[in-house]
Amino acid sequence: MAFFLDTSIVVAAFDTNNRHIIDAIMGTHAEYIKIPSVTLAELIHGAHKCNNFERRMNDITNFVKPYEIIPFDALASSVYGKIKAELEAKGRAIGCNDLLIAATAMSRGGILVTCDKGFSHVKGLHTDDWSE
């Protein structure tokens, strides 16, 4: 089973030095951890807003280096359309980037590792919170 890291879990590991997250990541073989390309994009966006861009980019580069970056592709697009329509029908909404990340994980049968409770509204998405 693959674990797809949401931006929230990576930021929590970076900014709070949460031992639960760090231990869970370090205790999982690198081949089972995946980084959705949208997560990487959000991390880079955050780096551009930091006081020390170069240091943060270095941290991001070193963090993602051992893991496979998973692109948002045609299969994920199909899942995205389905889950967005389901959420709209229920009057629920989550952010566009969160939908892209969820669709990436779901399209590959993975577990989304997140501390963002908003993902609980996505039917069929398997999540785990390594911050607890």
Protein backbone atom coordinates (compact mmCIF):
# COMPACT_ATOMS: atom_id res chain seq x y z
CA MET A 1 0.00 0.00 0.00
CA ALA A 2 1.31 3.43 -0.93
CA PHE A 3 1.11 6.45 1.35
CA PHE A 4 0.54 9.78 -0.40
CA LEU A 5 1.69 12.76 1.66
CA ASP A 6 -0.61 15.76 1.80
CA THR A 7 0.90 19.20 2.19
CA SER A 8 -0.48 19.54 5.73
CA ILE A 9 1.51 16.57 7.02
CA VAL A 10 4.77 17.71 5.43
CA VAL A 11 4.36 21.27 6.72
CA ALA A 12 3.57 19.93 10.20
CA ALA A 13 6.76 17.85 10.10
CA PHE A 14 8.83 20.84 8.95
CA ASP A 15 7.34 23.53 11.15
CA THR A 16 6.46 21.74 14.37
CA ASN A 17 9.09 19.00 14.32
CA ASN A 18 6.27 16.58 15.27
CA ARG A 19 7.96 13.33 16.35
CA HIS A 20 4.91 11.22 15.47
CA ILE A 21 5.10 12.38 11.86
CA ILE A 22 8.87 12.18 11.58
CA ASP A 23 8.99 8.70 13.13
CA ALA A 24 6.18 7.46 10.87
CA ILE A 25 7.88 8.80 7.74
CA MET A 26 11.31 7.50 8.75
CA GLY A 27 9.79 4.14 9.69
CA THR A 28 8.17 3.66 6.28
CA HIS A 29 10.29 2.36 3.42
CA ALA A 30 10.77 5.10 0.80
CA GLU A 31 9.20 3.01 -1.97
CA TYR A 32 5.85 3.18 -0.14
CA ILE A 33 5.81 6.96 0.26
CA LYS A 34 4.59 9.05 -2.66
CA ILE A 35 4.48 12.82 -3.11
CA PRO A 36 1.61 14.09 -5.25
CA SER A 37 2.90 16.73 -7.66
CA VAL A 38 0.30 19.15 -6.26
CA THR A 39 1.73 18.66 -2.75
CA LEU A 40 5.16 19.55 -4.14
CA ALA A 41 3.71 22.61 -5.88
CA GLU A 42 2.11 23.78 -2.62
CA LEU A 43 5.38 23.28 -0.74
CA ILE A 44 7.26 25.35 -3.34
CA HIS A 45 4.57 28.04 -3.15
CA GLY A 46 5.07 28.14 0.61
CA ALA A 47 8.83 28.43 0.16
CA HIS A 48 8.33 31.54 -1.95
CA LYS A 49 6.47 33.11 0.98
CA CYS A 50 9.18 32.26 3.54
CA ASN A 51 11.75 34.69 4.86
CA ASN A 52 14.50 32.27 3.83
CA PHE A 53 13.48 30.92 0.42
CA GLU A 54 16.78 29.18 -0.33
CA ARG A 55 16.87 27.31 2.99
CA ARG A 56 13.25 26.19 2.65
CA MET A 57 13.78 25.05 -0.95
CA ASN A 58 16.84 23.10 0.18
CA ASP A 59 14.73 21.47 2.91
CA ILE A 60 12.01 20.58 0.38
CA THR A 61 14.48 19.21 -2.15
CA ASN A 62 16.19 17.04 0.46
CA PHE A 63 12.88 15.85 1.87
CA VAL A 64 11.35 14.73 -1.45
CA LYS A 65 14.56 13.30 -2.93
CA PRO A 66 14.00 9.65 -1.87
CA TYR A 67 10.32 9.60 -2.86
CA GLU A 68 8.49 9.22 -6.14
CA ILE A 69 6.66 12.34 -7.30
CA ILE A 70 3.27 11.29 -8.67
CA PRO A 71 1.84 13.54 -11.41
CA PHE A 72 -1.77 14.53 -11.71
CA ASP A 73 -2.70 12.61 -14.86
CA ALA A 74 -5.69 11.46 -16.92
CA LEU A 75 -6.65 8.74 -14.44
CA ALA A 76 -6.56 11.22 -11.55
CA SER A 77 -8.58 13.66 -13.69
CA SER A 78 -11.36 11.10 -14.00
CA VAL A 79 -11.41 10.55 -10.24
CA TYR A 80 -11.32 14.32 -9.65
CA GLY A 81 -14.44 14.86 -11.76
CA LYS A 82 -16.31 12.14 -9.88
CA ILE A 83 -15.44 13.27 -6.37
CA LYS A 84 -16.01 16.94 -7.14
CA ALA A 85 -19.50 16.16 -8.50
CA GLU A 86 -20.27 14.03 -5.42
CA LEU A 87 -19.17 16.81 -3.06
CA GLU A 88 -21.19 19.43 -4.96
CA ALA A 89 -24.28 17.21 -4.83
CA LYS A 90 -23.92 17.07 -1.03
CA GLY A 91 -23.31 20.82 -0.75
CA ARG A 92 -19.77 20.18 0.48
CA ALA A 93 -16.59 21.73 -0.77
CA ILE A 94 -12.89 21.34 -0.20
CA GLY A 95 -10.12 23.34 -1.85
CA CYS A 96 -9.24 22.70 -5.49
CA ASN A 97 -5.69 21.65 -4.64
CA ASP A 98 -7.00 19.29 -1.96
CA LEU A 99 -9.29 17.71 -4.56
CA LEU A 100 -6.33 17.25 -6.90
CA ILE A 101 -4.29 15.62 -4.13
CA ALA A 102 -7.19 13.36 -3.09
CA ALA A 103 -7.81 12.32 -6.69
CA THR A 104 -4.12 11.50 -7.17
CA ALA A 105 -4.12 9.20 -4.12
CA MET A 106 -7.47 7.61 -4.96
CA SER A 107 -6.59 6.98 -8.60
CA ARG A 108 -3.68 4.83 -7.45
CA GLY A 109 -5.46 3.08 -4.58
CA GLY A 110 -3.31 4.79 -1.96
CA ILE A 111 -3.79 6.15 1.52
CA LEU A 112 -3.64 9.91 1.90
CA VAL A 113 -1.59 10.90 4.93
CA THR A 114 -2.98 14.20 6.17
CA CYS A 115 -3.87 16.16 9.29
CA ASP A 116 -6.54 18.08 7.35
CA LYS A 117 -9.95 16.85 8.52
CA GLY A 118 -11.61 18.31 5.40
CA PHE A 119 -10.66 15.19 3.46
CA SER A 120 -13.18 13.20 5.55
CA HIS A 121 -15.90 14.44 3.17
CA VAL A 122 -14.38 12.60 0.20
CA LYS A 123 -16.23 9.31 -0.19
CA GLY A 124 -13.91 6.36 -0.73
CA LEU A 125 -10.72 8.21 0.19
CA HIS A 126 -8.61 6.29 2.67
CA THR A 127 -6.77 8.62 5.03
CA ASP A 128 -4.37 8.35 7.92
CA ASP A 129 -3.14 11.07 10.29
CA TRP A 130 0.45 10.51 11.33
CA SER A 131 0.44 13.61 13.55
CA GLU A 132 -1.42 11.81 16.36
